[in-house]
Amino acid sequence: MDGKNRLDISIGQIVDIVLKSDQRSGKLTRGIVLKILTKSSNHPHGIKVMLEDRQVGRIKNIIK
């Protein structure tokens, strides 16, 4: 799953996100979802989430 649909994402999942500062390089950061920040049901660049370590970015991959 690519993280573009809000229904595919739940609190506690392990995901790969791209931080705002890493958008140019595409570097992925792995973490556990603490909060889902995007309100719409889908987003073309990925749903924005906050990880447990308080980093914020858009989901690129859902691990489990």
C-alpha atoms as a PDB file:
ATOM      1  CA  MET A   1       0.000   0.000   0.000  1.00  0.00           C
ATOM      2  CA  ASP A   2       1.252   3.445  -0.871  1.00  0.00           C
ATOM      3  CA  GLY A   3      -0.321   5.554   1.904  1.00  0.00           C
ATOM      4  CA  LYS A   4      -2.537   7.726  -0.289  1.00  0.00           C
ATOM      5  CA  ASN A   5      -5.853   6.561   1.250  1.00  0.00           C
ATOM      6  CA  ARG A   6      -6.680   7.517   4.834  1.00  0.00           C
ATOM      7  CA  LEU A   7      -8.695   4.307   5.403  1.00  0.00           C
ATOM      8  CA  ASP A   8      -5.531   2.210   4.877  1.00  0.00           C
ATOM      9  CA  ILE A   9      -3.772   3.910   7.811  1.00  0.00           C
ATOM     10  CA  SER A  10      -4.267   3.385  11.534  1.00  0.00           C
ATOM     11  CA  ILE A  11      -2.546   4.476  14.729  1.00  0.00           C
ATOM     12  CA  GLY A  12       0.298   2.130  15.682  1.00  0.00           C
ATOM     13  CA  GLN A  13       1.191   1.044  12.136  1.00  0.00           C
ATOM     14  CA  ILE A  14       4.810   0.994  10.982  1.00  0.00           C
ATOM     15  CA  VAL A  15       5.275   3.260   7.965  1.00  0.00           C
ATOM     16  CA  ASP A  16       7.940   4.959   5.845  1.00  0.00           C
ATOM     17  CA  ILE A  17       7.473   8.720   5.478  1.00  0.00           C
ATOM     18  CA  VAL A  18       9.236  11.538   3.669  1.00  0.00           C
ATOM     19  CA  LEU A  19       9.968  14.506   5.921  1.00  0.00           C
ATOM     20  CA  LYS A  20       9.505  18.015   4.497  1.00  0.00           C
ATOM     21  CA  SER A  21      13.282  18.565   4.637  1.00  0.00           C
ATOM     22  CA  ASP A  22      13.882  15.305   2.695  1.00  0.00           C
ATOM     23  CA  GLN A  23      11.398  15.894  -0.131  1.00  0.00           C
ATOM     24  CA  ARG A  24      14.099  16.715  -2.690  1.00  0.00           C
ATOM     25  CA  SER A  25      16.244  13.681  -1.892  1.00  0.00           C
ATOM     26  CA  GLY A  26      13.310  11.327  -1.245  1.00  0.00           C
ATOM     27  CA  LYS A  27      14.998   9.908   1.882  1.00  0.00           C
ATOM     28  CA  LEU A  28      12.573   7.743   3.865  1.00  0.00           C
ATOM     29  CA  THR A  29      12.150   7.730   7.642  1.00  0.00           C
ATOM     30  CA  ARG A  30      10.578   4.693   9.330  1.00  0.00           C
ATOM     31  CA  GLY A  31       8.408   4.983  12.401  1.00  0.00           C
ATOM     32  CA  ILE A  32       5.136   4.215  14.158  1.00  0.00           C
ATOM     33  CA  VAL A  33       2.060   6.370  13.474  1.00  0.00           C
ATOM     34  CA  LEU A  34       1.004   8.479  16.478  1.00  0.00           C
ATOM     35  CA  LYS A  35      -1.508  10.821  14.743  1.00  0.00           C
ATOM     36  CA  ILE A  36      -3.094  11.095  11.309  1.00  0.00           C
ATOM     37  CA  LEU A  37      -2.927  14.763  10.309  1.00  0.00           C
ATOM     38  CA  THR A  38      -4.587  14.765   6.856  1.00  0.00           C
ATOM     39  CA  LYS A  39      -8.354  15.237   7.175  1.00  0.00           C
ATOM     40  CA  SER A  40      -9.352  14.303   3.605  1.00  0.00           C
ATOM     41  CA  SER A  41      -9.982  10.673   2.635  1.00  0.00           C
ATOM     42  CA  ASN A  42      -7.072  10.627   0.175  1.00  0.00           C
ATOM     43  CA  HIS A  43      -4.112  12.752  -0.921  1.00  0.00           C
ATOM     44  CA  PRO A  44      -2.054  12.397  -4.134  1.00  0.00           C
ATOM     45  CA  HIS A  45       1.297  12.857  -2.324  1.00  0.00           C
ATOM     46  CA  GLY A  46       0.471  10.630   0.658  1.00  0.00           C
ATOM     47  CA  ILE A  47      -1.400  11.079   3.925  1.00  0.00           C
ATOM     48  CA  LYS A  48       0.431  13.314   6.409  1.00  0.00           C
ATOM     49  CA  VAL A  49       1.108  11.720   9.793  1.00  0.00           C
ATOM     50  CA  MET A  50       3.018  12.340  13.006  1.00  0.00           C
ATOM     51  CA  LEU A  51       5.275   9.526  14.186  1.00  0.00           C
ATOM     52  CA  GLU A  52       5.769   8.546  17.841  1.00  0.00           C
ATOM     53  CA  ASP A  53       9.051  10.500  17.867  1.00  0.00           C
ATOM     54  CA  ARG A  54       7.061  13.616  16.787  1.00  0.00           C
ATOM     55  CA  GLN A  55       8.447  13.753  13.230  1.00  0.00           C
ATOM     56  CA  VAL A  56       5.874  14.785  10.599  1.00  0.00           C
ATOM     57  CA  GLY A  57       5.770  13.712   6.968  1.00  0.00           C
ATOM     58  CA  ARG A  58       3.795  12.076   4.184  1.00  0.00           C
ATOM     59  CA  ILE A  59       3.472   8.296   4.004  1.00  0.00           C
ATOM     60  CA  LYS A  60       5.219   6.592   1.080  1.00  0.00           C
ATOM     61  CA  ASN A  61       5.004   2.943   2.233  1.00  0.00           C
ATOM     62  CA  ILE A  62       2.952   1.054   4.790  1.00  0.00           C
ATOM     63  CA  ILE A  63       5.101  -1.679   6.334  1.00  0.00           C
ATOM     64  CA  LYS A  64       2.546  -3.321   8.669  1.00  0.00           C
END
